[in-house]
Protein backbone atom coordinates (compact mmCIF):
# COMPACT_ATOMS: atom_id res chain seq x y z
CA MET A 1 -41.04 -6.29 103.05
CA VAL A 2 -39.76 -9.02 100.71
CA PRO A 3 -35.98 -8.97 100.13
CA LYS A 4 -34.66 -8.57 96.62
CA ASP A 5 -33.92 -11.68 94.63
CA PRO A 6 -30.54 -12.91 95.97
CA LYS A 7 -29.61 -14.21 92.52
CA GLY A 8 -30.10 -10.82 90.95
CA ASN A 9 -31.88 -12.25 87.89
CA MET A 10 -35.45 -12.20 89.29
CA ASN A 11 -36.22 -15.44 87.44
CA GLY A 12 -36.27 -13.59 84.13
CA PHE A 13 -38.65 -10.84 85.27
CA SER A 14 -37.78 -7.17 84.93
CA PRO A 15 -37.16 -5.28 88.20
CA GLU A 16 -40.51 -3.52 87.84
CA ASN A 17 -42.48 -6.70 87.27
CA PHE A 18 -40.63 -8.60 89.97
CA ALA A 19 -41.56 -5.82 92.39
CA ARG A 20 -45.20 -6.30 91.36
CA LEU A 21 -44.94 -10.00 92.19
CA GLN A 22 -43.34 -9.12 95.52
CA SER A 23 -46.28 -6.84 96.34
CA ILE A 24 -48.70 -9.80 96.40
CA MET A 25 -46.46 -12.26 98.22
CA HIS A 26 -47.37 -13.45 101.68
CA ILE A 27 -44.20 -14.41 103.57
CA LYS A 28 -44.25 -17.38 105.92
CA ARG A 29 -41.67 -19.28 107.91
CA ALA A 30 -40.86 -22.81 106.77
CA ALA A 31 -39.02 -25.45 108.79
CA LYS A 32 -36.95 -28.31 107.45
CA GLY A 33 -39.18 -31.30 106.80
CA ASP A 34 -42.33 -29.24 106.18
CA PHE A 35 -44.27 -29.85 102.97
CA LEU A 36 -45.48 -26.81 101.06
CA PHE A 37 -47.82 -29.06 99.12
CA TRP A 38 -48.42 -32.74 98.39
CA GLU A 39 -49.29 -34.57 95.21
CA GLY A 40 -53.02 -34.18 94.69
CA ASP A 41 -53.32 -30.85 96.53
CA THR A 42 -55.07 -27.99 94.72
CA ALA A 43 -52.56 -26.13 92.54
CA ASP A 44 -53.51 -22.52 93.16
CA LYS A 45 -50.29 -20.90 94.38
CA LEU A 46 -46.75 -20.01 93.35
CA TYR A 47 -43.83 -20.11 95.77
CA TYR A 48 -40.75 -17.93 95.99
CA ILE A 49 -37.84 -18.92 98.21
CA VAL A 50 -36.66 -15.88 100.15
CA GLN A 51 -34.36 -18.00 102.29
CA GLY A 52 -33.76 -21.75 102.57
CA GLY A 53 -34.25 -24.62 100.14
CA VAL A 54 -36.99 -26.88 98.73
CA ARG A 55 -36.93 -30.14 96.81
CA VAL A 56 -39.70 -31.17 94.45
CA THR A 57 -40.44 -34.89 94.41
CA LYS A 58 -42.62 -37.40 92.57
CA GLN A 59 -43.86 -40.70 94.00
CA SER A 60 -43.99 -43.76 91.76
CA GLU A 61 -46.71 -46.40 91.98
CA THR A 62 -44.31 -48.60 93.96
CA GLY A 63 -43.72 -45.85 96.52
CA LYS A 64 -40.26 -44.85 95.30
CA SER A 65 -39.55 -41.13 95.50
CA PHE A 66 -37.87 -39.29 92.62
CA ILE A 67 -36.27 -35.89 93.17
CA LEU A 68 -37.01 -33.58 90.22
CA TYR A 69 -35.79 -30.18 91.40
CA LEU A 70 -33.60 -28.69 94.11
CA HIS A 71 -34.75 -25.11 94.57
CA GLN A 72 -32.73 -22.52 96.44
CA ALA A 73 -33.07 -18.91 97.55
CA GLY A 74 -34.25 -16.76 94.64
CA ASP A 75 -36.23 -19.50 92.88
CA LEU A 76 -39.86 -19.07 91.89
CA PHE A 77 -41.75 -22.32 91.38
CA GLY A 78 -45.19 -23.90 91.43
CA GLN A 79 -47.85 -25.29 89.15
CA ILE A 80 -50.24 -22.84 87.52
CA ASP A 81 -52.36 -24.51 84.83
CA PRO A 82 -55.02 -22.96 82.59
CA PHE A 83 -57.55 -25.24 84.30
CA GLN A 84 -59.07 -23.80 87.46
CA ASN A 85 -59.32 -27.10 89.32
CA SER A 86 -55.88 -28.52 88.55
CA LEU A 87 -54.02 -30.58 91.16
CA HIS A 88 -50.34 -30.75 91.99
CA SER A 89 -48.48 -33.52 90.17
CA PHE A 90 -45.55 -33.31 92.59
CA GLY A 91 -44.77 -32.66 96.24
CA ALA A 92 -42.51 -29.93 97.67
CA GLU A 93 -40.49 -30.56 100.83
CA VAL A 94 -38.51 -27.89 102.69
CA THR A 95 -34.86 -28.98 103.01
CA GLU A 96 -33.61 -26.19 105.27
CA ASP A 97 -35.25 -23.64 107.55
CA GLY A 98 -36.14 -20.42 105.79
CA GLU A 99 -38.83 -18.09 104.49
CA ILE A 100 -41.19 -18.69 101.59
CA GLY A 101 -43.17 -16.11 99.65
CA VAL A 102 -46.60 -17.40 98.63
CA ILE A 103 -48.50 -15.95 95.67
CA GLN A 104 -52.20 -16.76 95.43
CA ARG A 105 -53.49 -17.57 91.95
CA LYS A 106 -56.39 -15.11 92.22
CA ASP A 107 -54.00 -12.25 93.10
CA LEU A 108 -51.65 -13.20 90.27
CA GLU A 109 -54.48 -13.22 87.73
CA VAL A 110 -55.42 -9.66 88.71
CA LEU A 111 -51.84 -8.51 88.12
CA LEU A 112 -51.61 -10.28 84.78
CA ARG A 113 -54.81 -8.59 83.58
CA GLN A 114 -53.54 -5.20 84.68
CA HIS A 115 -50.01 -5.44 83.24
CA GLY A 116 -49.54 -6.89 79.76
CA ASP A 117 -45.75 -6.77 79.99
CA LEU A 118 -45.87 -8.87 83.15
CA ALA A 119 -48.15 -11.38 81.40
CA ILE A 120 -45.62 -11.76 78.59
CA GLU A 121 -42.73 -12.27 81.03
CA PHE A 122 -44.83 -14.76 82.97
CA MET A 123 -45.44 -16.81 79.81
CA LYS A 124 -41.69 -16.76 79.12
CA TRP A 125 -41.06 -17.99 82.68
CA ILE A 126 -43.50 -20.88 82.18
CA GLY A 127 -41.72 -21.76 78.92
CA LEU A 128 -38.37 -21.77 80.75
CA ILE A 129 -39.67 -24.17 83.41
CA HIS A 130 -41.04 -26.50 80.73
CA ARG A 131 -37.69 -26.43 78.90
CA MET A 132 -35.84 -27.33 82.10
CA THR A 133 -38.13 -30.31 82.64
CA GLU A 134 -37.78 -31.45 79.02
CA THR A 135 -33.98 -31.42 79.15
CA LYS A 136 -33.95 -33.45 82.38
CA PHE A 137 -36.17 -36.14 80.91
CA ARG A 138 -34.11 -36.08 77.70
CA ASP A 139 -30.96 -36.86 79.67
CA LEU A 140 -32.69 -39.66 81.56
CA MET A 141 -34.15 -41.31 78.46
CA MET A 142 -31.46 -40.88 75.81
CA TYR A 143 -28.05 -41.26 77.43
CA GLY A 144 -28.45 -43.97 80.05
CA LYS A 145 -27.67 -43.79 83.74
CA SER A 146 -24.08 -42.59 83.21
CA GLY A 147 -25.26 -39.76 80.97
CA ALA A 148 -27.98 -38.81 83.43
CA LEU A 149 -25.46 -38.77 86.30
CA CYS A 150 -23.04 -36.61 84.31
CA SER A 151 -25.87 -34.23 83.47
CA LEU A 152 -26.84 -34.09 87.15
CA LEU A 153 -23.26 -33.23 88.15
CA ILE A 154 -23.16 -30.44 85.56
CA ARG A 155 -26.46 -29.04 86.84
CA LEU A 156 -25.19 -29.19 90.42
CA SER A 157 -22.03 -27.35 89.39
CA ASN A 158 -24.08 -24.63 87.67
CA SER A 159 -26.38 -24.22 90.68
CA TYR A 160 -23.95 -24.65 93.58
CA GLY A 161 -20.45 -24.81 92.08
CA VAL A 162 -17.61 -22.46 93.00
CA PRO A 163 -14.44 -22.40 90.82
CA GLN A 164 -11.30 -23.03 92.87
CA GLY A 165 -7.86 -23.71 91.47
CA GLY A 166 -9.08 -24.96 88.10
CA ASN A 167 -11.69 -27.25 89.69
CA ILE A 168 -15.34 -26.72 90.56
CA HIS A 169 -16.31 -27.29 94.19
CA ILE A 170 -20.00 -28.08 94.60
CA HIS A 171 -20.98 -26.45 97.89
CA TYR A 172 -24.07 -28.57 98.38
CA LYS A 173 -23.79 -31.82 100.28
CA ILE A 174 -25.73 -34.52 98.50
CA ASN A 175 -25.47 -38.23 99.19
CA ASN A 176 -25.47 -41.06 96.69
CA SER A 177 -28.99 -42.15 97.58
CA GLU A 178 -30.32 -38.69 96.73
CA MET A 179 -28.47 -38.69 93.42
CA ALA A 180 -29.90 -42.12 92.68
CA ASP A 181 -33.39 -40.73 93.32
CA MET A 182 -32.70 -37.96 90.81
CA ILE A 183 -31.72 -40.22 87.93
CA GLY A 184 -33.88 -43.28 88.61
CA ALA A 185 -30.93 -45.50 89.52
CA THR A 186 -29.88 -47.55 92.54
CA ARG A 187 -27.49 -46.23 95.17
CA GLU A 188 -25.08 -49.06 94.33
CA SER A 189 -24.88 -48.10 90.65
CA VAL A 190 -24.28 -44.44 91.56
CA ASN A 191 -21.52 -45.54 93.96
CA ARG A 192 -19.87 -47.51 91.18
CA MET A 193 -20.09 -44.73 88.59
CA LEU A 194 -18.74 -42.11 90.99
CA ASN A 195 -15.85 -44.37 92.01
CA ASP A 196 -15.00 -44.95 88.33
CA MET A 197 -14.98 -41.18 87.73
CA LYS A 198 -12.72 -40.70 90.74
CA LYS A 199 -10.28 -43.31 89.41
CA ASP A 200 -10.28 -41.51 86.04
CA ASN A 201 -9.50 -38.22 87.85
CA THR A 202 -12.78 -36.71 86.63
CA LEU A 203 -13.93 -35.80 90.12
CA ASP A 204 -12.95 -36.02 93.76
CA PHE A 205 -14.53 -35.54 97.18
CA ASN A 206 -13.67 -32.98 99.85
CA ASN A 207 -15.38 -32.96 103.26
CA GLY A 208 -18.48 -34.60 101.83
CA CYS A 209 -18.66 -32.27 98.83
CA ILE A 210 -18.05 -33.16 95.19
CA VAL A 211 -15.14 -31.57 93.34
CA ILE A 212 -15.34 -31.67 89.54
CA LYS A 213 -11.89 -31.85 87.97
CA ASN A 214 -12.78 -32.61 84.35
CA LEU A 215 -15.98 -30.89 83.24
CA SER A 216 -15.33 -31.69 79.57
CA TYR A 217 -15.53 -35.42 80.30
CA LEU A 218 -18.97 -35.00 81.87
CA ARG A 219 -20.16 -32.94 78.91
CA ASN A 220 -18.98 -35.57 76.43
CA ILE A 221 -20.77 -38.42 78.21
CA CYS A 222 -24.14 -36.65 78.35
CA ARG A 223 -23.82 -35.09 74.87
CA CYS A 224 -24.00 -31.62 76.42
CA GLU A 225 -25.82 -29.15 74.16
CA ASN A 226 -24.46 -26.11 76.03
CA CYS A 227 -27.90 -25.00 77.16
CA PRO A 228 -28.14 -21.57 78.85
CA LEU A 229 -27.45 -21.62 82.57
CA GLU A 230 -31.09 -20.64 83.20
CA ILE A 231 -32.02 -24.12 81.89
CA CYS A 232 -29.04 -26.28 82.88
CA ARG A 233 -29.54 -26.05 86.64
CA MET A 234 -31.24 -27.85 89.49
């Protein structure tokens, strides 16, 4: 039996349609460091994180790895194109031990033909994923490295942040090299920008975790458009 979505939002699917997706999931154990798929693998599955975490990466021609998404329990992700022989454009690495629900494309297509309301919700889910990707590339291209870093911090706070005493504690330990890989910058430039924000009392660090003290400052730098939380997340 597949547990209910721990987030409670079922990725935008109604309880009935999410239960239908659960009925065709095959649950498997996944260990930290495993790859669910690599760039160039056949894209014929969707993945649902029952427990654990996954990061989606892209390799550049020079071999540099860019982190595009940090998925957590309750996330549904994968690449389903209208072309039968499509290949994965990204890789997916397990970041912590857990359980992954796997949905085969052929089983999903049967469900979509049988349930029109599920097909509509599935199209909306695809649109949401595309919107998330668009906003990330917008931040990278339009507002420089500082804007991209501020946007990343906001997304981390929406995905992993816990309000405490007027601040937001991000309960996800991420190092500067990983943040650099997310915004296409060097670790040294991320170090410098974070230190400047700390001096300005915009953020602080507590036991290896980031504490955001001035969210408005971050929003101003990245020209925050107040996107829904379903979009402004990791």
